[in-house]
Structures are given as structure tokens and as C-alpha cells.
C-alpha atoms as a PDB file:
ATOM      1  CA  LEU A   1       8.021 -11.301  -4.550  1.00  0.00           C
ATOM      2  CA  ALA A   2       5.406 -11.371  -1.917  1.00  0.00           C
ATOM      3  CA  ASP A   3       6.216 -13.114   1.385  1.00  0.00           C
ATOM      4  CA  PRO A   4       6.313 -16.881   1.015  1.00  0.00           C
ATOM      5  CA  ARG A   5       3.522 -17.306   3.576  1.00  0.00           C
ATOM      6  CA  THR A   6       1.300 -15.016   1.573  1.00  0.00           C
ATOM      7  CA  ARG A   7       2.044 -16.880  -1.729  1.00  0.00           C
ATOM      8  CA  LEU A   8       1.312 -20.255   0.028  1.00  0.00           C
ATOM      9  CA  ALA A   9      -2.006 -18.966   1.416  1.00  0.00           C
ATOM     10  CA  ALA A  10      -2.937 -17.650  -2.023  1.00  0.00           C
ATOM     11  CA  LYS A  11      -1.949 -20.903  -3.689  1.00  0.00           C
ATOM     12  CA  LYS A  12      -4.269 -22.885  -1.404  1.00  0.00           C
ATOM     13  CA  ARG A  13      -7.070 -20.598  -2.729  1.00  0.00           C
ATOM     14  CA  ASN A  14      -6.022 -21.287  -6.371  1.00  0.00           C
ATOM     15  CA  MET A  15      -4.446 -17.862  -6.749  1.00  0.00           C
ATOM     16  CA  GLU A  16      -0.936 -17.182  -7.983  1.00  0.00           C
ATOM     17  CA  ILE A  17       0.836 -14.057  -6.914  1.00  0.00           C
ATOM     18  CA  THR A  18       3.599 -13.205  -9.349  1.00  0.00           C
ATOM     19  CA  HIS A  19       4.028  -9.453  -9.102  1.00  0.00           C
ATOM     20  CA  ARG A  20       7.118  -7.894  -7.688  1.00  0.00           C
ATOM     21  CA  SER A  21       7.342  -4.881  -5.480  1.00  0.00           C
ATOM     22  CA  ARG A  22       9.869  -2.077  -5.607  1.00  0.00           C
ATOM     23  CA  LYS A  23      10.961   0.709  -3.364  1.00  0.00           C
ATOM     24  CA  PHE A  24       8.956   3.873  -3.337  1.00  0.00           C
ATOM     25  CA  LEU A  25      10.359   6.603  -5.480  1.00  0.00           C
ATOM     26  CA  GLN A  26       9.798  10.310  -4.877  1.00  0.00           C
ATOM     27  CA  ARG A  27       8.564  10.731  -8.485  1.00  0.00           C
ATOM     28  CA  ASP A  28       5.809   8.213  -7.733  1.00  0.00           C
ATOM     29  CA  LEU A  29       3.949  11.084  -6.019  1.00  0.00           C
ATOM     30  CA  GLU A  30       3.670  12.831  -9.374  1.00  0.00           C
ATOM     31  CA  ILE A  31       3.089   9.834 -11.565  1.00  0.00           C
ATOM     32  CA  PHE A  32       0.395   7.842  -9.745  1.00  0.00           C
ATOM     33  CA  ASP A  33      -3.211   8.828  -8.896  1.00  0.00           C
ATOM     34  CA  TYR A  34      -3.259   6.716  -5.778  1.00  0.00           C
ATOM     35  CA  ILE A  35      -0.458   5.970  -3.377  1.00  0.00           C
ATOM     36  CA  LEU A  36      -1.448   3.229  -0.867  1.00  0.00           C
ATOM     37  CA  ALA A  37       0.478   2.563   2.357  1.00  0.00           C
ATOM     38  CA  MET A  38       0.157  -0.791   3.985  1.00  0.00           C
ATOM     39  CA  ASP A  39       0.689   0.453   7.575  1.00  0.00           C
ATOM     40  CA  LYS A  40       0.727   3.695   9.597  1.00  0.00           C
ATOM     41  CA  SER A  41       4.510   4.007   9.651  1.00  0.00           C
ATOM     42  CA  ASN A  42       4.712   3.928   5.771  1.00  0.00           C
ATOM     43  CA  TYR A  43       1.746   6.340   5.639  1.00  0.00           C
ATOM     44  CA  ALA A  44       3.585   8.761   7.954  1.00  0.00           C
ATOM     45  CA  TYR A  45       6.750   8.422   5.772  1.00  0.00           C
ATOM     46  CA  LEU A  46       4.683   9.246   2.663  1.00  0.00           C
ATOM     47  CA  LEU A  47       3.010  12.238   4.318  1.00  0.00           C
ATOM     48  CA  LYS A  48       6.477  13.668   5.050  1.00  0.00           C
ATOM     49  CA  SER A  49       7.306  13.527   1.369  1.00  0.00           C
ATOM     50  CA  VAL A  50       4.335  15.644   0.302  1.00  0.00           C
ATOM     51  CA  SER A  51       4.851  19.047  -1.266  1.00  0.00           C
ATOM     52  CA  SER A  52       1.267  20.021  -2.006  1.00  0.00           C
ATOM     53  CA  ASP A  53      -2.374  19.376  -1.053  1.00  0.00           C
ATOM     54  CA  THR A  54      -2.948  17.829  -4.439  1.00  0.00           C
ATOM     55  CA  ILE A  55      -0.477  15.064  -3.706  1.00  0.00           C
ATOM     56  CA  LEU A  56      -1.659  14.801  -0.093  1.00  0.00           C
ATOM     57  CA  ASN A  57      -5.068  13.813  -1.498  1.00  0.00           C
ATOM     58  CA  LYS A  58      -3.495  10.904  -3.290  1.00  0.00           C
ATOM     59  CA  ILE A  59      -2.181   9.084  -0.203  1.00  0.00           C
ATOM     60  CA  PHE A  60      -4.281   6.541   1.646  1.00  0.00           C
ATOM     61  CA  LEU A  61      -3.894   3.662   4.015  1.00  0.00           C
ATOM     62  CA  PHE A  62      -4.590   0.514   1.897  1.00  0.00           C
ATOM     63  CA  ARG A  63      -7.444  -0.638   4.075  1.00  0.00           C
ATOM     64  CA  SER A  64      -9.114   2.709   4.510  1.00  0.00           C
ATOM     65  CA  PHE A  65     -11.339   1.687   1.627  1.00  0.00           C
ATOM     66  CA  ASP A  66     -12.529  -1.320   3.618  1.00  0.00           C
ATOM     67  CA  LYS A  67     -15.520   0.048   5.570  1.00  0.00           C
ATOM     68  CA  SER A  68     -16.357  -3.339   7.179  1.00  0.00           C
ATOM     69  CA  ASP A  69     -13.434  -3.130   9.515  1.00  0.00           C
ATOM     70  CA  GLU A  70     -11.992  -0.289  11.572  1.00  0.00           C
ATOM     71  CA  TYR A  71      -8.485  -1.811  11.567  1.00  0.00           C
ATOM     72  CA  GLN A  72      -6.799   0.107   8.777  1.00  0.00           C
ATOM     73  CA  GLU A  73      -3.339  -1.482   8.654  1.00  0.00           C
ATOM     74  CA  VAL A  74      -2.611  -4.562   6.627  1.00  0.00           C
ATOM     75  CA  PRO A  75      -1.567  -7.156   9.158  1.00  0.00           C
ATOM     76  CA  ASP A  76       1.745  -8.929   8.736  1.00  0.00           C
END
């Protein structure tokens, strides 16, 4: 589950977070269209796992889509 602080903050805003995460699997690079890393260390790890440019083009920092802020890592 998400961090308890995250769930509490969401609950205060009438949102319930019930999804579960799992560890990244190498086959995820082939299965998913987008692979989103929450921070630069995870991003670097994913890039080391890449075997082709096609897969490289699937990997992004999660907040790289947020053009309103230059800070691209998800804060803890």
C-alpha cells in the first residue's frame, strides 16, 4: 500500500488510495507503453535495463509531464 502519510493526506481530501505496488520486473519493459520512475535514482536504474531505443522511449520521470514545475522528482 501507499505510505500511511500519503493515504492520510488523501483521506483528508476525500480520496481513498487502495492500489498496491509491486517490484519492477524486467518483462515490464516489453509489456507496458510507459514506465514512470518516481525519482532520478529509479530512472537511472531503469535506463541501465534498456536493450533498445524503442524501450528507452518508454521511460520517463513521473513529473516530467508536469510543465508547471521544473522539479521532476516526486518528493518523499
